[in-house]
Amino acid sequence: MNHVVVVGAGLAGVRSVEALRGRGFTGRITLIGQERHRPYDRPPLSKAVLKGETDSSFVDTDLTALEVGFWPGVSAKTLRAGVVETTEGELGYDGLVIATGADPITLPGDGPQHVLRTLDDAHELRARLVPGARVAVIGAGWIGAEVATAARRAGCAVTVIEAGPAPLSHAVGAELGARTLPWYDGIDLRLDTMVGSVEEGGVELLDGEFIDAHVVVTGIGVRPAVEWLAGADIDLHNGVVVDEHLRASLPNVVAVGDCANWWSRRFQTRLRVEHWDTALSAPEVAVATLLGDDAVYDPVPYFWSEQFGHMMQYTGHHPAGDRLLYRGKPEGKWSACWVKDDDTLAAVLSVDRPRDYVQGRRIIDGGHRLDTERLVDPDVPLRDCVV
């Protein structure tokens, strides 16, 4: 293998480059990035960057020292075996890493709507979050809650419009999401409310009501950025379909990050995880696979969210759980634990209880059974619930 092309210059793409060199690959590497910025982390965009605590989140890596041909501002258009067609012409490869991430979903309408996916998005939105501005946030998921947090902190008048019965209901269920309702004090939270369109000057709801807004932010999810692969001979379903080795159906091709739909041995299902930890850790396995080694990607997924003065940390895969148990009262520090019928732990969401997250991730990784009577006692460390 003489030339590896990495399509996508986010964290997953950069870590793929580093993994190639770290494993002794001495051939040519080309990194294609749709944005003109050098690679950066995305989680700080909705946190420190949007709050004005920092202006950038560039990844600390030296592409020159890694001897990488970096093509910023270039997009992949199509793929056929051995060739990526880009906006700058055709590029042949011996090995290919697909790391194109995901694109935000937007809503119908002619009015301006902001999304939060890129560094430019964060800077543009931050400039508009000024005292007194009326801000409508569509979606009370992870991103919507973080944007609402920043907008309220900036002194904006904030309306959050959520189609579900509670914040985070799509992500972790309405019962758990209802525990965050008090956090929205001072915000006009509209639940079970559907948006018809985004218009000039605000948002029109399906029932005809118009919500005036200087700024509209749409945070209703993302789609894997795989449109450029539509005509390729590669298996696509909710992203690039890969096996437990992150190997795609097209020879000498692997996929990592938000666009990869991978098979989990641990949970016996396909997962496509849109979080930083996946972009950080998956490239090592993908590159090992590309170079002919036998490596398996089967992590315990993890992510975090900072909203309304609370640190939320999640680990595992809660759809695998059968029961939802709580540690602590909603007005204080608490955790939610999804437990399987065999009393093993499927997932943990901790709110201001970082030890529950750390210990829970180890318990899930080890497949340990728990004493559920002890588990619901918040004064008992989670690790001491193992039987």
Protein backbone atom coordinates (compact mmCIF):
# COMPACT_ATOMS: atom_id res chain seq x y z
CA MET A 1 0.00 0.00 0.00
CA ASN A 2 1.61 3.22 -1.21
CA HIS A 3 -1.06 5.91 -0.96
CA VAL A 4 -3.82 6.32 1.64
CA VAL A 5 -6.48 8.98 1.15
CA VAL A 6 -8.42 10.23 4.16
CA VAL A 7 -11.67 12.00 3.23
CA GLY A 8 -12.71 14.27 6.07
CA ALA A 9 -10.40 16.50 8.10
CA GLY A 10 -12.20 16.48 11.43
CA LEU A 11 -10.90 14.72 14.52
CA ALA A 12 -11.54 11.25 13.05
CA GLY A 13 -9.58 12.12 9.91
CA VAL A 14 -6.64 13.59 11.81
CA ARG A 15 -6.48 10.65 14.21
CA SER A 16 -6.48 8.33 11.20
CA VAL A 17 -3.44 10.13 9.81
CA GLU A 18 -1.68 9.91 13.18
CA ALA A 19 -2.53 6.23 13.49
CA LEU A 20 -1.09 5.52 10.04
CA ARG A 21 2.23 7.10 10.91
CA GLY A 22 2.14 5.60 14.38
CA ARG A 23 1.87 2.14 12.88
CA GLY A 24 4.85 2.73 10.66
CA PHE A 25 3.15 3.54 7.36
CA THR A 26 5.74 5.39 5.30
CA GLY A 27 3.77 5.88 2.10
CA ARG A 28 1.94 8.92 0.83
CA ILE A 29 -1.05 10.28 2.79
CA THR A 30 -3.55 12.82 1.46
CA LEU A 31 -6.05 14.43 3.81
CA ILE A 32 -9.08 16.08 2.19
CA GLY A 33 -11.02 18.65 4.19
CA GLN A 34 -14.18 20.39 3.04
CA GLU A 35 -13.55 23.38 5.31
CA ARG A 36 -10.65 25.77 4.84
CA HIS A 37 -9.72 25.66 8.52
CA ARG A 38 -7.09 23.32 9.82
CA PRO A 39 -8.60 20.39 11.77
CA TYR A 40 -10.41 21.19 15.02
CA ASP A 41 -12.52 19.55 17.74
CA ARG A 42 -16.28 20.02 17.54
CA PRO A 43 -17.50 19.61 21.17
CA PRO A 44 -16.14 23.00 22.30
CA LEU A 45 -18.16 24.75 19.57
CA SER A 46 -21.41 24.51 21.54
CA LYS A 47 -19.62 25.06 24.83
CA ALA A 48 -16.49 27.22 25.22
CA VAL A 49 -16.52 28.78 21.74
CA LEU A 50 -20.20 29.71 21.79
CA LYS A 51 -19.84 31.14 25.31
CA GLY A 52 -16.90 33.28 24.20
CA GLU A 53 -14.39 31.52 26.45
CA THR A 54 -12.19 30.67 23.46
CA ASP A 55 -12.13 31.42 19.73
CA SER A 56 -10.98 28.07 18.38
CA SER A 57 -10.53 24.39 19.17
CA PHE A 58 -7.80 23.38 16.75
CA VAL A 59 -6.40 19.89 17.12
CA ASP A 60 -2.80 19.91 18.36
CA THR A 61 -1.16 18.07 15.50
CA ASP A 62 1.56 18.95 13.00
CA LEU A 63 0.50 17.78 9.55
CA THR A 64 3.78 18.96 8.06
CA ALA A 65 5.80 16.85 10.47
CA LEU A 66 3.52 13.91 9.66
CA GLU A 67 4.30 14.45 5.96
CA VAL A 68 0.66 14.71 4.98
CA GLY A 69 -0.67 16.33 1.85
CA PHE A 70 -3.49 18.48 3.26
CA TRP A 71 -6.17 19.63 0.82
CA PRO A 72 -8.34 22.21 2.66
CA GLY A 73 -11.47 23.55 1.02
CA VAL A 74 -11.83 20.43 -1.15
CA SER A 75 -14.88 18.17 -1.27
CA ALA A 76 -15.22 14.55 -2.38
CA LYS A 77 -17.80 14.20 -5.16
CA THR A 78 -17.93 10.51 -6.07
CA LEU A 79 -16.11 7.26 -5.41
CA ARG A 80 -15.19 4.28 -7.51
CA ALA A 81 -12.74 1.50 -6.73
CA GLY A 82 -9.30 3.05 -6.38
CA VAL A 83 -10.34 6.62 -7.20
CA VAL A 84 -11.90 9.51 -5.28
CA GLU A 85 -13.24 12.25 -7.50
CA THR A 86 -12.96 15.63 -5.81
CA THR A 87 -13.72 19.24 -6.61
CA GLU A 88 -10.03 19.50 -7.52
CA GLY A 89 -9.95 16.45 -9.79
CA GLU A 90 -9.42 12.71 -9.44
CA LEU A 91 -7.26 11.24 -6.70
CA GLY A 92 -6.15 7.63 -6.82
CA TYR A 93 -5.70 5.58 -3.65
CA ASP A 94 -4.53 2.18 -2.43
CA GLY A 95 -6.34 2.59 0.88
CA LEU A 96 -9.22 4.88 1.78
CA VAL A 97 -10.50 6.18 5.12
CA ILE A 98 -13.99 7.70 4.98
CA ALA A 99 -14.37 10.24 7.79
CA THR A 100 -16.85 12.72 6.34
CA GLY A 101 -18.91 13.08 9.53
CA ALA A 102 -22.49 14.32 9.46
CA ASP A 103 -24.50 17.31 8.28
CA PRO A 104 -27.17 19.16 10.30
CA ILE A 105 -30.82 18.71 9.40
CA THR A 106 -32.61 21.94 8.56
CA LEU A 107 -36.29 22.86 8.35
CA PRO A 108 -38.42 24.23 5.50
CA GLY A 109 -38.85 27.96 5.04
CA ASP A 110 -37.19 30.98 3.52
CA GLY A 111 -36.07 32.58 6.75
CA PRO A 112 -32.49 32.40 8.03
CA GLN A 113 -31.77 29.52 10.38
CA HIS A 114 -28.51 28.83 12.14
CA VAL A 115 -27.04 25.41 12.78
CA LEU A 116 -24.07 24.58 14.96
CA ARG A 117 -21.67 22.19 13.28
CA THR A 118 -18.62 24.15 12.17
CA LEU A 119 -16.27 26.72 13.68
CA ASP A 120 -17.74 29.35 11.36
CA ASP A 121 -21.25 28.41 12.56
CA ALA A 122 -20.17 28.94 16.17
CA HIS A 123 -18.58 32.33 15.48
CA GLU A 124 -21.56 33.58 13.47
CA LEU A 125 -24.06 32.45 16.10
CA ARG A 126 -22.02 33.85 18.98
CA ALA A 127 -22.00 37.27 17.37
CA ARG A 128 -25.82 37.26 17.33
CA LEU A 129 -26.33 36.19 20.94
CA VAL A 130 -26.50 39.69 22.40
CA PRO A 131 -28.50 41.01 25.37
CA GLY A 132 -32.15 41.47 24.50
CA ALA A 133 -32.07 39.40 21.31
CA ARG A 134 -35.06 37.09 20.89
CA VAL A 135 -33.69 33.61 20.18
CA ALA A 136 -35.78 30.63 19.09
CA VAL A 137 -34.07 27.26 19.52
CA ILE A 138 -35.76 24.41 17.66
CA GLY A 139 -35.08 21.14 19.45
CA ALA A 140 -34.36 20.46 23.14
CA GLY A 141 -31.80 17.74 22.58
CA TRP A 142 -28.14 17.94 23.51
CA ILE A 143 -27.20 20.74 21.11
CA GLY A 144 -30.43 22.68 21.59
CA ALA A 145 -30.00 22.66 25.37
CA GLU A 146 -26.39 23.84 25.10
CA VAL A 147 -27.34 26.66 22.71
CA ALA A 148 -30.19 27.69 25.01
CA THR A 149 -27.72 27.71 27.91
CA ALA A 150 -25.35 30.05 26.04
CA ALA A 151 -28.20 32.29 24.83
CA ARG A 152 -29.69 32.69 28.29
CA ARG A 153 -26.24 33.40 29.72
CA ALA A 154 -25.78 36.12 27.07
CA GLY A 155 -28.97 37.84 28.21
CA CYS A 156 -31.19 36.78 25.33
CA ALA A 157 -34.92 36.12 25.54
CA VAL A 158 -35.01 32.41 24.73
CA THR A 159 -37.80 30.22 23.39
CA VAL A 160 -37.13 26.50 23.01
CA ILE A 161 -39.48 24.54 20.75
CA GLU A 162 -39.49 20.78 21.24
CA ALA A 163 -41.61 18.24 19.33
CA GLY A 164 -41.43 15.69 22.14
CA PRO A 165 -43.07 15.68 25.58
CA ALA A 166 -39.87 16.65 27.43
CA PRO A 167 -36.31 17.85 26.79
CA LEU A 168 -34.00 15.03 25.67
CA SER A 169 -37.02 12.79 25.09
CA HIS A 170 -35.70 11.58 21.75
CA ALA A 171 -32.24 10.98 23.18
CA VAL A 172 -32.98 9.26 26.49
CA GLY A 173 -36.75 9.15 26.92
CA ALA A 174 -39.42 11.48 28.26
CA GLU A 175 -39.32 10.14 31.82
CA LEU A 176 -35.68 10.99 32.26
CA GLY A 177 -35.90 14.17 30.22
CA ALA A 178 -38.64 15.46 32.52
CA ARG A 179 -36.06 15.63 35.29
CA THR A 180 -34.40 18.52 33.45
CA LEU A 181 -37.56 20.65 33.21
CA PRO A 182 -36.67 22.88 36.20
CA TRP A 183 -33.44 23.81 34.43
CA TYR A 184 -35.47 25.76 31.86
CA ASP A 185 -36.55 28.39 34.38
CA GLY A 186 -36.62 31.74 32.59
CA ILE A 187 -36.98 30.09 29.18
CA ASP A 188 -40.21 29.82 27.22
CA LEU A 189 -40.21 26.05 26.71
CA ARG A 190 -42.80 24.79 24.22
CA LEU A 191 -43.25 21.00 24.44
CA ASP A 192 -45.23 18.76 22.07
CA THR A 193 -44.89 21.58 19.55
CA MET A 194 -44.14 21.16 15.86
CA VAL A 195 -42.53 23.76 13.62
CA GLY A 196 -44.09 24.34 10.23
CA SER A 197 -41.41 26.57 8.75
CA VAL A 198 -38.71 29.11 9.49
CA GLU A 199 -39.68 32.48 8.09
CA GLU A 200 -38.22 35.95 8.02
CA GLY A 201 -38.52 37.27 11.55
CA GLY A 202 -39.23 34.02 13.33
CA VAL A 203 -40.82 30.60 13.34
CA GLU A 204 -44.27 29.53 12.22
CA LEU A 205 -45.70 26.61 14.16
CA LEU A 206 -47.92 23.96 12.62
CA ASP A 207 -50.91 25.33 14.55
CA GLY A 208 -50.41 28.71 12.85
CA GLU A 209 -48.85 30.58 15.76
CA PHE A 210 -45.89 32.77 14.87
CA ILE A 211 -43.00 33.12 17.30
CA ASP A 212 -41.01 36.30 16.74
CA ALA A 213 -37.25 35.83 16.81
CA HIS A 214 -34.17 37.74 15.79
CA VAL A 215 -32.20 34.49 15.72
CA VAL A 216 -33.44 30.99 14.88
CA VAL A 217 -31.24 28.01 15.71
CA THR A 218 -32.16 24.57 14.40
CA GLY A 219 -30.87 21.70 16.51
CA ILE A 220 -32.95 18.69 15.49
CA GLY A 221 -30.18 16.26 14.63
CA VAL A 222 -27.78 15.35 11.84
CA ARG A 223 -27.52 12.96 8.93
CA PRO A 224 -24.36 11.05 7.98
CA ALA A 225 -22.55 12.93 5.20
CA VAL A 226 -22.54 10.15 2.62
CA GLU A 227 -24.44 11.70 -0.30
CA TRP A 228 -21.22 11.74 -2.32
CA LEU A 229 -21.19 7.92 -2.07
CA ALA A 230 -24.68 7.45 -3.51
CA GLY A 231 -23.40 6.17 -6.85
CA ALA A 232 -20.55 4.10 -5.43
CA ASP A 233 -20.45 0.33 -5.11
CA ILE A 234 -20.48 0.51 -1.32
CA ASP A 235 -23.07 -0.55 1.24
CA LEU A 236 -24.90 2.44 2.74
CA HIS A 237 -27.57 2.40 5.42
CA ASN A 238 -27.68 5.14 8.02
CA GLY A 239 -24.10 5.87 7.06
CA VAL A 240 -21.34 3.66 5.69
CA VAL A 241 -22.03 0.10 6.75
CA VAL A 242 -18.90 -1.43 8.27
CA ASP A 243 -18.14 -4.58 10.22
CA GLU A 244 -16.63 -4.86 13.69
CA HIS A 245 -13.24 -4.14 12.14
CA LEU A 246 -14.65 -0.91 10.58
CA ARG A 247 -14.16 -2.44 7.14
CA ALA A 248 -16.57 -1.26 4.41
CA SER A 249 -17.96 -3.43 1.61
CA LEU A 250 -15.61 -1.88 -0.95
CA PRO A 251 -12.10 -3.40 -0.76
CA ASN A 252 -9.38 -1.40 1.01
CA VAL A 253 -11.91 1.04 2.44
CA VAL A 254 -12.69 1.74 6.10
CA ALA A 255 -14.98 4.30 7.75
CA VAL A 256 -14.77 6.11 11.08
CA GLY A 257 -16.62 8.72 13.10
CA ASP A 258 -20.15 10.04 12.67
CA CYS A 259 -20.60 8.51 9.20
CA ALA A 260 -19.72 4.92 10.22
CA ASN A 261 -22.49 2.44 11.03
CA TRP A 262 -20.56 -0.32 12.80
CA TRP A 263 -21.41 -3.69 14.32
CA SER A 264 -21.02 -3.94 18.09
CA ARG A 265 -20.21 -7.35 19.51
CA ARG A 266 -20.98 -6.06 23.00
CA PHE A 267 -24.52 -4.90 22.28
CA GLN A 268 -25.22 -7.21 19.31
CA THR A 269 -26.53 -4.41 17.16
CA ARG A 270 -25.40 -1.76 14.72
CA LEU A 271 -24.36 1.58 16.19
CA ARG A 272 -23.67 4.95 14.66
CA VAL A 273 -22.42 7.16 17.46
CA GLU A 274 -22.13 10.90 16.80
CA HIS A 275 -19.73 11.79 19.58
CA TRP A 276 -16.16 12.88 20.15
CA ASP A 277 -14.97 9.68 21.78
CA THR A 278 -15.82 7.65 18.68
CA ALA A 279 -13.86 10.02 16.44
CA LEU A 280 -10.96 9.81 18.86
CA SER A 281 -10.73 6.03 19.32
CA ALA A 282 -12.10 4.39 16.17
CA PRO A 283 -9.28 5.45 13.79
CA GLU A 284 -6.72 3.22 15.52
CA VAL A 285 -8.83 0.15 14.73
CA ALA A 286 -9.72 1.31 11.23
CA VAL A 287 -6.08 1.92 10.32
CA ALA A 288 -5.03 -1.42 11.78
CA THR A 289 -7.65 -3.06 9.58
CA LEU A 290 -6.53 -1.12 6.53
CA LEU A 291 -2.94 -2.24 7.07
CA GLY A 292 -3.92 -5.89 7.40
CA ASP A 293 -3.99 -6.37 11.17
CA ASP A 294 -6.81 -8.04 13.10
CA ALA A 295 -8.40 -5.40 15.33
CA VAL A 296 -11.95 -5.10 16.66
CA TYR A 297 -13.82 -1.91 17.52
CA ASP A 298 -16.18 -2.55 20.41
CA PRO A 299 -16.06 0.35 22.88
CA VAL A 300 -18.45 1.40 25.59
CA PRO A 301 -19.71 4.64 23.97
CA TYR A 302 -19.35 7.85 25.96
CA PHE A 303 -20.19 11.54 25.67
CA TRP A 304 -20.88 14.57 27.82
CA SER A 305 -23.02 17.69 27.73
CA GLU A 306 -22.75 20.91 29.73
CA GLN A 307 -26.12 22.60 30.13
CA PHE A 308 -27.68 25.03 32.60
CA GLY A 309 -24.82 24.66 35.07
CA HIS A 310 -24.89 20.86 35.07
CA MET A 311 -22.40 18.32 33.75
CA MET A 312 -24.14 15.35 32.11
CA GLN A 313 -22.05 12.30 31.25
CA TYR A 314 -23.43 9.29 29.42
CA THR A 315 -21.91 5.91 28.77
CA GLY A 316 -23.24 2.69 27.26
CA HIS A 317 -26.22 1.96 25.03
CA HIS A 318 -29.48 2.44 26.90
CA PRO A 319 -31.81 0.74 24.36
CA ALA A 320 -30.19 -2.52 25.52
CA GLY A 321 -31.58 -1.94 29.03
CA ASP A 322 -34.88 -3.25 30.37
CA ARG A 323 -35.31 -1.14 33.52
CA LEU A 324 -34.53 2.46 34.42
CA LEU A 325 -33.34 3.03 37.97
CA TYR A 326 -32.32 6.29 39.62
CA ARG A 327 -29.63 7.25 42.08
CA GLY A 328 -30.50 10.51 43.80
CA LYS A 329 -33.33 13.03 43.65
CA PRO A 330 -33.90 15.25 40.59
CA GLU A 331 -33.41 18.44 42.58
CA GLY A 332 -29.83 17.43 43.43
CA LYS A 333 -27.03 15.37 41.94
CA TRP A 334 -28.34 12.19 40.38
CA SER A 335 -27.76 9.38 37.93
CA ALA A 336 -29.97 7.18 35.79
CA CYS A 337 -29.00 3.55 35.25
CA TRP A 338 -30.43 1.32 32.54
CA VAL A 339 -30.24 -2.28 33.74
CA LYS A 340 -30.82 -5.47 31.75
CA ASP A 341 -33.00 -8.36 32.93
CA ASP A 342 -29.88 -10.24 34.02
CA ASP A 343 -28.94 -7.29 36.28
CA THR A 344 -26.01 -6.22 34.13
CA LEU A 345 -25.63 -2.54 33.34
CA ALA A 346 -26.49 -1.25 29.86
CA ALA A 347 -25.94 2.50 30.32
CA VAL A 348 -25.50 5.30 32.83
CA LEU A 349 -26.38 8.98 32.59
CA SER A 350 -24.83 10.91 35.46
CA VAL A 351 -25.73 14.49 36.38
CA ASP A 352 -22.99 16.12 38.46
CA ARG A 353 -21.94 12.64 39.67
CA PRO A 354 -18.77 11.95 37.65
CA ARG A 355 -17.82 8.92 39.74
CA ASP A 356 -21.00 7.15 38.63
CA TYR A 357 -19.97 7.68 35.03
CA VAL A 358 -16.38 6.49 35.56
CA GLN A 359 -17.37 3.43 37.59
CA GLY A 360 -20.37 2.69 35.37
CA ARG A 361 -18.25 2.60 32.23
CA ARG A 362 -15.91 0.06 33.83
CA ILE A 363 -18.84 -2.04 35.02
CA ILE A 364 -20.39 -2.09 31.53
CA ASP A 365 -17.04 -2.96 29.99
CA GLY A 366 -16.62 -5.85 32.40
CA GLY A 367 -20.19 -7.12 32.01
CA HIS A 368 -20.65 -7.32 35.79
CA ARG A 369 -23.97 -8.05 37.50
CA LEU A 370 -25.31 -5.58 40.05
CA ASP A 371 -27.25 -5.66 43.30
CA THR A 372 -30.07 -3.36 42.21
CA GLU A 373 -31.28 -2.74 45.78
CA ARG A 374 -27.90 -1.21 46.59
CA LEU A 375 -27.72 0.52 43.22
CA VAL A 376 -30.65 2.85 43.99
CA ASP A 377 -28.92 4.10 47.14
CA PRO A 378 -26.94 7.16 45.98
CA ASP A 379 -24.67 6.90 49.03
CA VAL A 380 -23.36 3.49 47.89
CA PRO A 381 -20.58 3.80 45.27
CA LEU A 382 -21.63 2.17 42.04
CA ARG A 383 -18.60 -0.09 42.10
CA ASP A 384 -19.77 -1.50 45.45
CA CYS A 385 -23.01 -2.64 43.81
CA VAL A 386 -21.18 -5.29 41.79
CA VAL A 387 -22.01 -8.85 42.87
